PDB file of N, CA and C in Angstrom:
ATOM      1  N   MET A   1     -28.660 -11.725  -9.513  1.00  0.00           N
ATOM      2  CA  MET A   1     -28.878 -10.529 -10.309  1.00  0.00           C
ATOM      3  C   MET A   1     -27.515  -9.933 -10.663  1.00  0.00           C
ATOM      4  N   SER A   2     -27.260  -9.745 -11.934  1.00  0.00           N
ATOM      5  CA  SER A   2     -25.974  -9.181 -12.345  1.00  0.00           C
ATOM      6  C   SER A   2     -26.113  -7.682 -12.559  1.00  0.00           C
ATOM      7  N   LYS A   3     -25.050  -6.991 -12.279  1.00  0.00           N
ATOM      8  CA  LYS A   3     -25.038  -5.543 -12.450  1.00  0.00           C
ATOM      9  C   LYS A   3     -24.150  -5.200 -13.633  1.00  0.00           C
ATOM     10  N   LYS A   4     -24.580  -4.267 -14.432  1.00  0.00           N
ATOM     11  CA  LYS A   4     -23.802  -3.816 -15.579  1.00  0.00           C
ATOM     12  C   LYS A   4     -22.509  -3.165 -15.081  1.00  0.00           C
ATOM     13  N   PHE A   5     -21.380  -3.569 -15.690  1.00  0.00           N
ATOM     14  CA  PHE A   5     -20.092  -2.992 -15.311  1.00  0.00           C
ATOM     15  C   PHE A   5     -20.030  -1.552 -15.796  1.00  0.00           C
ATOM     16  N   ASP A   6     -19.614  -0.667 -14.933  1.00  0.00           N
ATOM     17  CA  ASP A   6     -19.573   0.757 -15.252  1.00  0.00           C
ATOM     18  C   ASP A   6     -18.227   1.315 -14.794  1.00  0.00           C
ATOM     19  N   PHE A   7     -17.441   1.837 -15.747  1.00  0.00           N
ATOM     20  CA  PHE A   7     -16.129   2.383 -15.399  1.00  0.00           C
ATOM     21  C   PHE A   7     -16.246   3.565 -14.441  1.00  0.00           C
ATOM     22  N   GLU A   8     -17.322   4.334 -14.549  1.00  0.00           N
ATOM     23  CA  GLU A   8     -17.516   5.452 -13.626  1.00  0.00           C
ATOM     24  C   GLU A   8     -17.671   4.928 -12.199  1.00  0.00           C
ATOM     25  N   ASP A   9     -18.425   3.832 -12.035  1.00  0.00           N
ATOM     26  CA  ASP A   9     -18.574   3.227 -10.710  1.00  0.00           C
ATOM     27  C   ASP A   9     -17.235   2.726 -10.189  1.00  0.00           C
ATOM     28  N   GLU A  10     -16.393   2.190 -11.076  1.00  0.00           N
ATOM     29  CA  GLU A  10     -15.070   1.720 -10.662  1.00  0.00           C
ATOM     30  C   GLU A  10     -14.228   2.892 -10.160  1.00  0.00           C
ATOM     31  N   ASP A  11     -14.283   4.031 -10.858  1.00  0.00           N
ATOM     32  CA  ASP A  11     -13.546   5.220 -10.422  1.00  0.00           C
ATOM     33  C   ASP A  11     -14.038   5.693  -9.057  1.00  0.00           C
ATOM     34  N   ILE A  12     -15.356   5.680  -8.862  1.00  0.00           N
ATOM     35  CA  ILE A  12     -15.934   6.098  -7.583  1.00  0.00           C
ATOM     36  C   ILE A  12     -15.513   5.130  -6.481  1.00  0.00           C
ATOM     37  N   LEU A  13     -15.521   3.830  -6.782  1.00  0.00           N
ATOM     38  CA  LEU A  13     -15.076   2.839  -5.803  1.00  0.00           C
ATOM     39  C   LEU A  13     -13.632   3.106  -5.392  1.00  0.00           C
ATOM     40  N   GLN A  14     -12.753   3.360  -6.356  1.00  0.00           N
ATOM     41  CA  GLN A  14     -11.357   3.649  -6.032  1.00  0.00           C
ATOM     42  C   GLN A  14     -11.242   4.897  -5.166  1.00  0.00           C
ATOM     43  N   ALA A  15     -11.999   5.929  -5.490  1.00  0.00           N
ATOM     44  CA  ALA A  15     -11.960   7.161  -4.702  1.00  0.00           C
ATOM     45  C   ALA A  15     -12.463   6.908  -3.278  1.00  0.00           C
ATOM     46  N   GLU A  16     -13.530   6.126  -3.147  1.00  0.00           N
ATOM     47  CA  GLU A  16     -14.065   5.806  -1.820  1.00  0.00           C
ATOM     48  C   GLU A  16     -13.060   4.995  -1.000  1.00  0.00           C
ATOM     49  N   LEU A  17     -12.404   4.032  -1.637  1.00  0.00           N
ATOM     50  CA  LEU A  17     -11.414   3.228  -0.922  1.00  0.00           C
ATOM     51  C   LEU A  17     -10.207   4.065  -0.514  1.00  0.00           C
ATOM     52  N   MET A  18      -9.796   5.004  -1.368  1.00  0.00           N
ATOM     53  CA  MET A  18      -8.689   5.896  -0.992  1.00  0.00           C
ATOM     54  C   MET A  18      -9.084   6.763   0.194  1.00  0.00           C
ATOM     55  N   ALA A  19     -10.316   7.291   0.171  1.00  0.00           N
ATOM     56  CA  ALA A  19     -10.789   8.110   1.288  1.00  0.00           C
ATOM     57  C   ALA A  19     -10.775   7.295   2.582  1.00  0.00           C
ATOM     58  N   TYR A  20     -11.197   6.050   2.492  1.00  0.00           N
ATOM     59  CA  TYR A  20     -11.184   5.176   3.670  1.00  0.00           C
ATOM     60  C   TYR A  20      -9.759   4.970   4.175  1.00  0.00           C
ATOM     61  N   PHE A  21      -8.834   4.584   3.284  1.00  0.00           N
ATOM     62  CA  PHE A  21      -7.468   4.292   3.716  1.00  0.00           C
ATOM     63  C   PHE A  21      -6.722   5.529   4.203  1.00  0.00           C
ATOM     64  N   LEU A  22      -7.116   6.699   3.754  1.00  0.00           N
ATOM     65  CA  LEU A  22      -6.484   7.929   4.226  1.00  0.00           C
ATOM     66  C   LEU A  22      -7.060   8.393   5.563  1.00  0.00           C
ATOM     67  N   SER A  23      -8.183   7.820   5.959  1.00  0.00           N
ATOM     68  CA  SER A  23      -8.831   8.231   7.207  1.00  0.00           C
ATOM     69  C   SER A  23      -8.330   7.403   8.385  1.00  0.00           C
ATOM     70  N   SER A  24      -8.664   7.867   9.582  1.00  0.00           N
ATOM     71  CA  SER A  24      -8.304   7.112  10.784  1.00  0.00           C
ATOM     72  C   SER A  24      -9.193   5.880  10.950  1.00  0.00           C
ATOM     73  N   ALA A  25     -10.267   5.786  10.171  1.00  0.00           N
ATOM     74  CA  ALA A  25     -11.136   4.610  10.240  1.00  0.00           C
ATOM     75  C   ALA A  25     -10.424   3.356   9.742  1.00  0.00           C
ATOM     76  N   ALA A  26      -9.436   3.519   8.887  1.00  0.00           N
ATOM     77  CA  ALA A  26      -8.664   2.376   8.382  1.00  0.00           C
ATOM     78  C   ALA A  26      -7.673   1.970   9.464  1.00  0.00           C
ATOM     79  N   CYS A  27      -8.060   1.001  10.273  1.00  0.00           N
ATOM     80  CA  CYS A  27      -7.227   0.604  11.409  1.00  0.00           C
ATOM     81  C   CYS A  27      -6.960  -0.893  11.435  1.00  0.00           C
ATOM     82  N   GLY A  28      -7.255  -1.567  10.343  1.00  0.00           N
ATOM     83  CA  GLY A  28      -7.001  -3.002  10.256  1.00  0.00           C
ATOM     84  C   GLY A  28      -5.526  -3.288  10.031  1.00  0.00           C
ATOM     85  N   PRO A  29      -5.174  -4.555   9.913  1.00  0.00           N
ATOM     86  CA  PRO A  29      -3.765  -4.931   9.801  1.00  0.00           C
ATOM     87  C   PRO A  29      -3.063  -4.366   8.569  1.00  0.00           C
ATOM     88  N   ASN A  30      -3.754  -4.266   7.448  1.00  0.00           N
ATOM     89  CA  ASN A  30      -3.113  -3.743   6.240  1.00  0.00           C
ATOM     90  C   ASN A  30      -2.767  -2.267   6.407  1.00  0.00           C
ATOM     91  N   ALA A  31      -3.728  -1.486   6.888  1.00  0.00           N
ATOM     92  CA  ALA A  31      -3.485  -0.055   7.097  1.00  0.00           C
ATOM     93  C   ALA A  31      -2.425   0.160   8.175  1.00  0.00           C
ATOM     94  N   GLN A  32      -2.449  -0.649   9.235  1.00  0.00           N
ATOM     95  CA  GLN A  32      -1.447  -0.521  10.301  1.00  0.00           C
ATOM     96  C   GLN A  32      -0.046  -0.792   9.778  1.00  0.00           C
ATOM     97  N   LEU A  33       0.104  -1.853   8.992  1.00  0.00           N
ATOM     98  CA  LEU A  33       1.424  -2.178   8.450  1.00  0.00           C
ATOM     99  C   LEU A  33       1.932  -1.040   7.570  1.00  0.00           C
ATOM    100  N   ILE A  34       1.065  -0.519   6.721  1.00  0.00           N
ATOM    101  CA  ILE A  34       1.463   0.585   5.839  1.00  0.00           C
ATOM    102  C   ILE A  34       1.887   1.797   6.668  1.00  0.00           C
ATOM    103  N   ARG A  35       1.074   2.172   7.651  1.00  0.00           N
ATOM    104  CA  ARG A  35       1.389   3.352   8.464  1.00  0.00           C
ATOM    105  C   ARG A  35       2.637   3.154   9.322  1.00  0.00           C
ATOM    106  N   ASP A  36       2.802   1.956   9.873  1.00  0.00           N
ATOM    107  CA  ASP A  36       3.909   1.695  10.798  1.00  0.00           C
ATOM    108  C   ASP A  36       5.249   1.476  10.102  1.00  0.00           C
ATOM    109  N   LEU A  37       5.243   0.819   8.963  1.00  0.00           N
ATOM    110  CA  LEU A  37       6.498   0.322   8.412  1.00  0.00           C
ATOM    111  C   LEU A  37       6.882   0.833   7.029  1.00  0.00           C
ATOM    112  N   ILE A  38       5.956   1.451   6.309  1.00  0.00           N
ATOM    113  CA  ILE A  38       6.270   1.866   4.939  1.00  0.00           C
ATOM    114  C   ILE A  38       6.287   3.391   4.861  1.00  0.00           C
ATOM    115  N   LYS A  39       7.485   3.934   4.761  1.00  0.00           N
ATOM    116  CA  LYS A  39       7.636   5.384   4.644  1.00  0.00           C
ATOM    117  C   LYS A  39       7.251   5.794   3.217  1.00  0.00           C
ATOM    118  N   PRO A  40       6.376   6.798   3.072  1.00  0.00           N
ATOM    119  CA  PRO A  40       5.974   7.223   1.725  1.00  0.00           C
ATOM    120  C   PRO A  40       7.162   7.765   0.932  1.00  0.00           C
ATOM    121  N   LEU A  41       7.157   7.485  -0.339  1.00  0.00           N
ATOM    122  CA  LEU A  41       8.168   8.063  -1.220  1.00  0.00           C
ATOM    123  C   LEU A  41       7.827   9.531  -1.446  1.00  0.00           C
ATOM    124  N   PRO A  42       8.803  10.362  -1.778  1.00  0.00           N
ATOM    125  CA  PRO A  42       8.563  11.805  -1.909  1.00  0.00           C
ATOM    126  C   PRO A  42       7.958  12.204  -3.260  1.00  0.00           C
ATOM    127  N   PHE A  43       6.765  11.688  -3.543  1.00  0.00           N
ATOM    128  CA  PHE A  43       6.075  12.102  -4.762  1.00  0.00           C
ATOM    129  C   PHE A  43       5.708  13.578  -4.645  1.00  0.00           C
ATOM    130  N   ASP A  44       5.569  14.245  -5.766  1.00  0.00           N
ATOM    131  CA  ASP A  44       5.314  15.683  -5.819  1.00  0.00           C
ATOM    132  C   ASP A  44       3.820  15.974  -5.664  1.00  0.00           C
ATOM    133  N   PRO A  45       3.410  16.702  -4.622  1.00  0.00           N
ATOM    134  CA  PRO A  45       1.998  17.026  -4.430  1.00  0.00           C
ATOM    135  C   PRO A  45       1.376  17.759  -5.622  1.00  0.00           C
ATOM    136  N   ALA A  46       2.174  18.447  -6.399  1.00  0.00           N
ATOM    137  CA  ALA A  46       1.648  19.164  -7.562  1.00  0.00           C
ATOM    138  C   ALA A  46       1.098  18.210  -8.620  1.00  0.00           C
ATOM    139  N   PHE A  47       1.481  16.935  -8.545  1.00  0.00           N
ATOM    140  CA  PHE A  47       1.047  15.965  -9.550  1.00  0.00           C
ATOM    141  C   PHE A  47       0.054  14.940  -8.999  1.00  0.00           C
ATOM    142  N   GLU A  48      -0.596  15.254  -7.892  1.00  0.00           N
ATOM    143  CA  GLU A  48      -1.527  14.301  -7.294  1.00  0.00           C
ATOM    144  C   GLU A  48      -2.626  13.882  -8.259  1.00  0.00           C
ATOM    145  N   GLY A  49      -3.117  14.804  -9.061  1.00  0.00           N
ATOM    146  CA  GLY A  49      -4.145  14.462 -10.051  1.00  0.00           C
ATOM    147  C   GLY A  49      -3.651  13.422 -11.039  1.00  0.00           C
ATOM    148  N   GLU A  50      -2.409  13.558 -11.475  1.00  0.00           N
ATOM    149  CA  GLU A  50      -1.822  12.577 -12.393  1.00  0.00           C
ATOM    150  C   GLU A  50      -1.645  11.224 -11.711  1.00  0.00           C
ATOM    151  N   TYR A  51      -1.271  11.245 -10.439  1.00  0.00           N
ATOM    152  CA  TYR A  51      -1.097   9.991  -9.708  1.00  0.00           C
ATOM    153  C   TYR A  51      -2.434   9.263  -9.574  1.00  0.00           C
ATOM    154  N   LEU A  52      -3.479  10.011  -9.265  1.00  0.00           N
ATOM    155  CA  LEU A  52      -4.805   9.403  -9.163  1.00  0.00           C
ATOM    156  C   LEU A  52      -5.258   8.857 -10.513  1.00  0.00           C
ATOM    157  N   ALA A  53      -4.978   9.590 -11.583  1.00  0.00           N
ATOM    158  CA  ALA A  53      -5.330   9.114 -12.922  1.00  0.00           C
ATOM    159  C   ALA A  53      -4.576   7.830 -13.255  1.00  0.00           C
ATOM    160  N   ALA A  54      -3.353   7.707 -12.767  1.00  0.00           N
ATOM    161  CA  ALA A  54      -2.551   6.507 -13.028  1.00  0.00           C
ATOM    162  C   ALA A  54      -3.159   5.269 -12.368  1.00  0.00           C
ATOM    163  N   LEU A  55      -3.897   5.460 -11.297  1.00  0.00           N
ATOM    164  CA  LEU A  55      -4.570   4.324 -10.671  1.00  0.00           C
ATOM    165  C   LEU A  55      -5.665   3.766 -11.570  1.00  0.00           C
ATOM    166  N   ARG A  56      -6.189   4.596 -12.450  1.00  0.00           N
ATOM    167  CA  ARG A  56      -7.296   4.195 -13.313  1.00  0.00           C
ATOM    168  C   ARG A  56      -6.885   3.866 -14.740  1.00  0.00           C
ATOM    169  N   SER A  57      -5.689   4.243 -15.148  1.00  0.00           N
ATOM    170  CA  SER A  57      -5.313   4.096 -16.553  1.00  0.00           C
ATOM    171  C   SER A  57      -3.909   3.517 -16.694  1.00  0.00           C
ATOM    172  N   ASP A  58      -3.814   2.411 -17.419  1.00  0.00           N
ATOM    173  CA  ASP A  58      -2.499   1.810 -17.655  1.00  0.00           C
ATOM    174  C   ASP A  58      -1.591   2.751 -18.437  1.00  0.00           C
ATOM    175  N   ARG A  59      -2.151   3.497 -19.364  1.00  0.00           N
ATOM    176  CA  ARG A  59      -1.327   4.434 -20.146  1.00  0.00           C
ATOM    177  C   ARG A  59      -0.742   5.529 -19.264  1.00  0.00           C
ATOM    178  N   LYS A  60      -1.514   5.999 -18.302  1.00  0.00           N
ATOM    179  CA  LYS A  60      -1.021   7.065 -17.419  1.00  0.00           C
ATOM    180  C   LYS A  60      -0.023   6.540 -16.396  1.00  0.00           C
ATOM    181  N   LYS A  61      -0.061   5.234 -16.148  1.00  0.00           N
ATOM    182  CA  LYS A  61       0.907   4.631 -15.220  1.00  0.00           C
ATOM    183  C   LYS A  61       2.333   4.787 -15.737  1.00  0.00           C
ATOM    184  N   ILE A  62       2.514   4.791 -17.045  1.00  0.00           N
ATOM    185  CA  ILE A  62       3.855   4.829 -17.640  1.00  0.00           C
ATOM    186  C   ILE A  62       4.643   6.039 -17.162  1.00  0.00           C
ATOM    187  N   THR A  63       4.043   7.222 -17.172  1.00  0.00           N
ATOM    188  CA  THR A  63       4.780   8.417 -16.742  1.00  0.00           C
ATOM    189  C   THR A  63       5.060   8.388 -15.244  1.00  0.00           C
ATOM    190  N   VAL A  64       4.126   7.868 -14.471  1.00  0.00           N
ATOM    191  CA  VAL A  64       4.329   7.790 -13.028  1.00  0.00           C
ATOM    192  C   VAL A  64       5.352   6.702 -12.694  1.00  0.00           C
ATOM    193  N   LEU A  65       5.383   5.635 -13.468  1.00  0.00           N
ATOM    194  CA  LEU A  65       6.376   4.578 -13.246  1.00  0.00           C
ATOM    195  C   LEU A  65       7.794   5.105 -13.404  1.00  0.00           C
ATOM    196  N   ASP A  66       7.998   6.013 -14.346  1.00  0.00           N
ATOM    197  CA  ASP A  66       9.323   6.622 -14.498  1.00  0.00           C
ATOM    198  C   ASP A  66       9.728   7.358 -13.222  1.00  0.00           C
ATOM    199  N   GLU A  67       8.783   8.071 -12.628  1.00  0.00           N
ATOM    200  CA  GLU A  67       9.067   8.783 -11.378  1.00  0.00           C
ATOM    201  C   GLU A  67       9.332   7.792 -10.244  1.00  0.00           C
ATOM    202  N   LEU A  68       8.568   6.699 -10.216  1.00  0.00           N
ATOM    203  CA  LEU A  68       8.775   5.673  -9.201  1.00  0.00           C
ATOM    204  C   LEU A  68      10.186   5.094  -9.290  1.00  0.00           C
ATOM    205  N   VAL A  69      10.626   4.784 -10.491  1.00  0.00           N
ATOM    206  CA  VAL A  69      11.980   4.252 -10.685  1.00  0.00           C
ATOM    207  C   VAL A  69      13.012   5.242 -10.155  1.00  0.00           C
ATOM    208  N   SER A  70      12.791   6.515 -10.410  1.00  0.00           N
ATOM    209  CA  SER A  70      13.699   7.548  -9.917  1.00  0.00           C
ATOM    210  C   SER A  70      13.737   7.561  -8.384  1.00  0.00           C
ATOM    211  N   HIS A  71      12.578   7.450  -7.749  1.00  0.00           N
ATOM    212  CA  HIS A  71      12.522   7.412  -6.279  1.00  0.00           C
ATOM    213  C   HIS A  71      13.204   6.160  -5.735  1.00  0.00           C
ATOM    214  N   TYR A  72      13.028   5.050  -6.427  1.00  0.00           N
ATOM    215  CA  TYR A  72      13.636   3.797  -5.966  1.00  0.00           C
ATOM    216  C   TYR A  72      15.158   3.857  -5.972  1.00  0.00           C
ATOM    217  N   GLU A  73      15.733   4.720  -6.773  1.00  0.00           N
ATOM    218  CA  GLU A  73      17.190   4.868  -6.782  1.00  0.00           C
ATOM    219  C   GLU A  73      17.705   5.350  -5.425  1.00  0.00           C
ATOM    220  N   ASP A  74      16.845   6.028  -4.662  1.00  0.00           N
ATOM    221  CA  ASP A  74      17.229   6.550  -3.352  1.00  0.00           C
ATOM    222  C   ASP A  74      16.830   5.631  -2.192  1.00  0.00           C
ATOM    223  N   VAL A  75      16.161   4.526  -2.478  1.00  0.00           N
ATOM    224  CA  VAL A  75      15.745   3.586  -1.433  1.00  0.00           C
ATOM    225  C   VAL A  75      16.929   2.704  -1.071  1.00  0.00           C
ATOM    226  N   THR A  76      17.304   2.717   0.205  1.00  0.00           N
ATOM    227  CA  THR A  76      18.496   1.976   0.627  1.00  0.00           C
ATOM    228  C   THR A  76      18.248   0.477   0.767  1.00  0.00           C
ATOM    229  N   ASN A  77      17.045   0.077   1.133  1.00  0.00           N
ATOM    230  CA  ASN A  77      16.757  -1.349   1.273  1.00  0.00           C
ATOM    231  C   ASN A  77      15.530  -1.694   0.433  1.00  0.00           C
ATOM    232  N   PHE A  78      15.744  -1.765  -0.872  1.00  0.00           N
ATOM    233  CA  PHE A  78      14.645  -2.004  -1.809  1.00  0.00           C
ATOM    234  C   PHE A  78      13.956  -3.338  -1.542  1.00  0.00           C
ATOM    235  N   LYS A  79      14.725  -4.385  -1.290  1.00  0.00           N
ATOM    236  CA  LYS A  79      14.145  -5.715  -1.088  1.00  0.00           C
ATOM    237  C   LYS A  79      13.184  -5.713   0.103  1.00  0.00           C
ATOM    238  N   GLU A  80      13.599  -5.116   1.212  1.00  0.00           N
ATOM    239  CA  GLU A  80      12.739  -5.041   2.394  1.00  0.00           C
ATOM    240  C   GLU A  80      11.478  -4.235   2.086  1.00  0.00           C
ATOM    241  N   ARG A  81      11.641  -3.108   1.409  1.00  0.00           N
ATOM    242  CA  ARG A  81      10.487  -2.275   1.061  1.00  0.00           C
ATOM    243  C   ARG A  81       9.506  -3.059   0.194  1.00  0.00           C
ATOM    244  N   ARG A  82      10.034  -3.761  -0.798  1.00  0.00           N
ATOM    245  CA  ARG A  82       9.192  -4.540  -1.707  1.00  0.00           C
ATOM    246  C   ARG A  82       8.430  -5.624  -0.941  1.00  0.00           C
ATOM    247  N   GLU A  83       9.107  -6.300  -0.020  1.00  0.00           N
ATOM    248  CA  GLU A  83       8.454  -7.335   0.786  1.00  0.00           C
ATOM    249  C   GLU A  83       7.329  -6.747   1.638  1.00  0.00           C
ATOM    250  N   LEU A  84       7.564  -5.585   2.224  1.00  0.00           N
ATOM    251  CA  LEU A  84       6.529  -4.936   3.032  1.00  0.00           C
ATOM    252  C   LEU A  84       5.349  -4.505   2.171  1.00  0.00           C
ATOM    253  N   LEU A  85       5.629  -3.959   0.994  1.00  0.00           N
ATOM    254  CA  LEU A  85       4.552  -3.555   0.089  1.00  0.00           C
ATOM    255  C   LEU A  85       3.723  -4.762  -0.334  1.00  0.00           C
ATOM    256  N   GLU A  86       4.394  -5.858  -0.652  1.00  0.00           N
ATOM    257  CA  GLU A  86       3.670  -7.075  -1.026  1.00  0.00           C
ATOM    258  C   GLU A  86       2.839  -7.589   0.146  1.00  0.00           C
ATOM    259  N   ALA A  87       3.403  -7.581   1.343  1.00  0.00           N
ATOM    260  CA  ALA A  87       2.667  -8.036   2.525  1.00  0.00           C
ATOM    261  C   ALA A  87       1.451  -7.155   2.790  1.00  0.00           C
ATOM    262  N   SER A  88       1.564  -5.861   2.510  1.00  0.00           N
ATOM    263  CA  SER A  88       0.461  -4.934   2.790  1.00  0.00           C
ATOM    264  C   SER A  88      -0.775  -5.219   1.951  1.00  0.00           C
ATOM    265  N   THR A  89      -0.626  -5.980   0.877  1.00  0.00           N
ATOM    266  CA  THR A  89      -1.766  -6.276   0.004  1.00  0.00           C
ATOM    267  C   THR A  89      -2.395  -7.635   0.283  1.00  0.00           C
ATOM    268  N   LEU A  90      -1.872  -8.368   1.259  1.00  0.00           N
ATOM    269  CA  LEU A  90      -2.417  -9.691   1.567  1.00  0.00           C
ATOM    270  C   LEU A  90      -3.818  -9.578   2.160  1.00  0.00           C
ATOM    271  N   GLU A  91      -4.717 -10.430   1.703  1.00  0.00           N
ATOM    272  CA  GLU A  91      -6.089 -10.397   2.205  1.00  0.00           C
ATOM    273  C   GLU A  91      -6.201 -10.882   3.643  1.00  0.00           C
ATOM    274  N   ASN A  92      -5.336 -11.782   4.050  1.00  0.00           N
ATOM    275  CA  ASN A  92      -5.414 -12.360   5.398  1.00  0.00           C
ATOM    276  C   ASN A  92      -4.224 -11.955   6.252  1.00  0.00           C
ATOM    277  N   LEU A  93      -3.773 -10.736   6.113  1.00  0.00           N
ATOM    278  CA  LEU A  93      -2.636 -10.232   6.876  1.00  0.00           C
ATOM    279  C   LEU A  93      -2.975 -10.219   8.364  1.00  0.00           C
ATOM    280  N   THR A  94      -2.021 -10.615   9.202  1.00  0.00           N
ATOM    281  CA  THR A  94      -2.253 -10.657  10.648  1.00  0.00           C
ATOM    282  C   THR A  94      -1.383  -9.665  11.398  1.00  0.00           C
ATOM    283  N   TYR A  95      -0.782  -8.720  10.728  1.00  0.00           N
ATOM    284  CA  TYR A  95       0.077  -7.726  11.368  1.00  0.00           C
ATOM    285  C   TYR A  95      -0.701  -6.955  12.432  1.00  0.00           C
ATOM    286  N   GLY A  96      -0.110  -6.843  13.627  1.00  0.00           N
ATOM    287  CA  GLY A  96      -0.718  -6.048  14.688  1.00  0.00           C
ATOM    288  C   GLY A  96      -1.867  -6.722  15.399  1.00  0.00           C
ATOM    289  N   ILE A  97      -2.160  -7.963  15.048  1.00  0.00           N
ATOM    290  CA  ILE A  97      -3.269  -8.694  15.656  1.00  0.00           C
ATOM    291  C   ILE A  97      -2.692  -9.848  16.456  1.00  0.00           C
ATOM    292  N   GLU A  98      -3.223 -10.051  17.654  1.00  0.00           N
ATOM    293  CA  GLU A  98      -2.797 -11.198  18.457  1.00  0.00           C
ATOM    294  C   GLU A  98      -3.237 -12.470  17.744  1.00  0.00           C
ATOM    295  N   VAL A  99      -2.267 -13.335  17.457  1.00  0.00           N
ATOM    296  CA  VAL A  99      -2.552 -14.604  16.800  1.00  0.00           C
ATOM    297  C   VAL A  99      -1.962 -15.712  17.651  1.00  0.00           C
ATOM    298  N   GLU A 100      -2.727 -16.753  17.899  1.00  0.00           N
ATOM    299  CA  GLU A 100      -2.240 -17.834  18.744  1.00  0.00           C
ATOM    300  C   GLU A 100      -1.591 -18.943  17.945  1.00  0.00           C
ATOM    301  N   ASP A 101      -1.466 -18.785  16.661  1.00  0.00           N
ATOM    302  CA  ASP A 101      -0.830 -19.776  15.803  1.00  0.00           C
ATOM    303  C   ASP A 101       0.678 -19.660  15.951  1.00  0.00           C
ATOM    304  N   GLU A 102       1.328 -20.731  16.387  1.00  0.00           N
ATOM    305  CA  GLU A 102       2.768 -20.693  16.596  1.00  0.00           C
ATOM    306  C   GLU A 102       3.543 -20.571  15.298  1.00  0.00           C
ATOM    307  N   ASP A 103       2.906 -20.898  14.166  1.00  0.00           N
ATOM    308  CA  ASP A 103       3.584 -20.833  12.877  1.00  0.00           C
ATOM    309  C   ASP A 103       3.513 -19.451  12.239  1.00  0.00           C
ATOM    310  N   ALA A 104       2.807 -18.514  12.856  1.00  0.00           N
ATOM    311  CA  ALA A 104       2.688 -17.171  12.280  1.00  0.00           C
ATOM    312  C   ALA A 104       4.056 -16.512  12.244  1.00  0.00           C
ATOM    313  N   GLU A 105       4.376 -15.891  11.119  1.00  0.00           N
ATOM    314  CA  GLU A 105       5.678 -15.240  10.960  1.00  0.00           C
ATOM    315  C   GLU A 105       5.622 -13.797  11.438  1.00  0.00           C
ATOM    316  N   ASP A 106       6.727 -13.332  12.010  1.00  0.00           N
ATOM    317  CA  ASP A 106       6.874 -11.933  12.389  1.00  0.00           C
ATOM    318  C   ASP A 106       7.578 -11.200  11.267  1.00  0.00           C
ATOM    319  N   PHE A 107       7.333  -9.909  11.159  1.00  0.00           N
ATOM    320  CA  PHE A 107       8.087  -9.077  10.238  1.00  0.00           C
ATOM    321  C   PHE A 107       9.320  -8.618  10.979  1.00  0.00           C
ATOM    322  N   GLU A 108      10.475  -8.835  10.413  1.00  0.00           N
ATOM    323  CA  GLU A 108      11.708  -8.412  11.050  1.00  0.00           C
ATOM    324  C   GLU A 108      12.305  -7.259  10.272  1.00  0.00           C
ATOM    325  N   ILE A 109      12.749  -6.266  11.013  1.00  0.00           N
ATOM    326  CA  ILE A 109      13.330  -5.071  10.422  1.00  0.00           C
ATOM    327  C   ILE A 109      14.811  -5.054  10.745  1.00  0.00           C
ATOM    328  N   ASP A 110      15.631  -4.661   9.789  1.00  0.00           N
ATOM    329  CA  ASP A 110      17.084  -4.709   9.924  1.00  0.00           C
ATOM    330  C   ASP A 110      17.645  -3.847  11.051  1.00  0.00           C
ATOM    331  N   ASP A 111      16.883  -2.887  11.569  1.00  0.00           N
ATOM    332  CA  ASP A 111      17.418  -2.006  12.604  1.00  0.00           C
ATOM    333  C   ASP A 111      17.469  -2.674  13.980  1.00  0.00           C
ATOM    334  N   GLY A 112      17.171  -3.964  14.027  1.00  0.00           N
ATOM    335  CA  GLY A 112      17.260  -4.709  15.273  1.00  0.00           C
ATOM    336  C   GLY A 112      15.948  -4.813  16.014  1.00  0.00           C
ATOM    337  N   GLU A 113      14.977  -3.986  15.666  1.00  0.00           N
ATOM    338  CA  GLU A 113      13.677  -4.059  16.299  1.00  0.00           C
ATOM    339  C   GLU A 113      12.843  -5.085  15.561  1.00  0.00           C
ATOM    340  N   GLU A 114      11.942  -5.728  16.285  1.00  0.00           N
ATOM    341  CA  GLU A 114      11.066  -6.707  15.664  1.00  0.00           C
ATOM    342  C   GLU A 114       9.651  -6.176  15.750  1.00  0.00           C
ATOM    343  N   LYS A 115       9.000  -6.126  14.599  1.00  0.00           N
ATOM    344  CA  LYS A 115       7.623  -5.661  14.540  1.00  0.00           C
ATOM    345  C   LYS A 115       6.844  -6.690  13.753  1.00  0.00           C
ATOM    346  N   GLY A 116       5.589  -6.874  14.075  1.00  0.00           N
ATOM    347  CA  GLY A 116       4.800  -7.796  13.275  1.00  0.00           C
ATOM    348  C   GLY A 116       3.746  -8.494  14.087  1.00  0.00           C
ATOM    349  N   SER A 117       3.261  -9.575  13.543  1.00  0.00           N
ATOM    350  CA  SER A 117       2.189 -10.323  14.187  1.00  0.00           C
ATOM    351  C   SER A 117       2.769 -11.241  15.244  1.00  0.00           C
ATOM    352  N   ARG A 118       1.973 -11.587  16.171  1.00  0.00           N
ATOM    353  CA  ARG A 118       2.377 -12.521  17.227  1.00  0.00           C
ATOM    354  C   ARG A 118       1.306 -13.560  17.385  1.00  0.00           C
TER     355      ARG A 118
END
């Protein structure tokens, strides 16, 4: 049975997923990696509505992308941040989970501490 695609349902789905990830119920490896290793950029709370709109509209992303570029100018280790952000979106992320696979990679942080999957 196919369901008619509805943009309103897509917006509601995005809002529900954001509510989940902002809650303590989000405790899987993706949420853990984000909370543990990715410091939020200093976006302006006054523009939260615009940021949420940018999640739904490519046209609205353009103005927020300019702000993102500005924030990235202050990021000291852009490559590491980018790698962590990319890892946070993996469907089969094993961060924070005991894994018995000897080939599993750990996330290494430049400050000398090692964090990641084992």
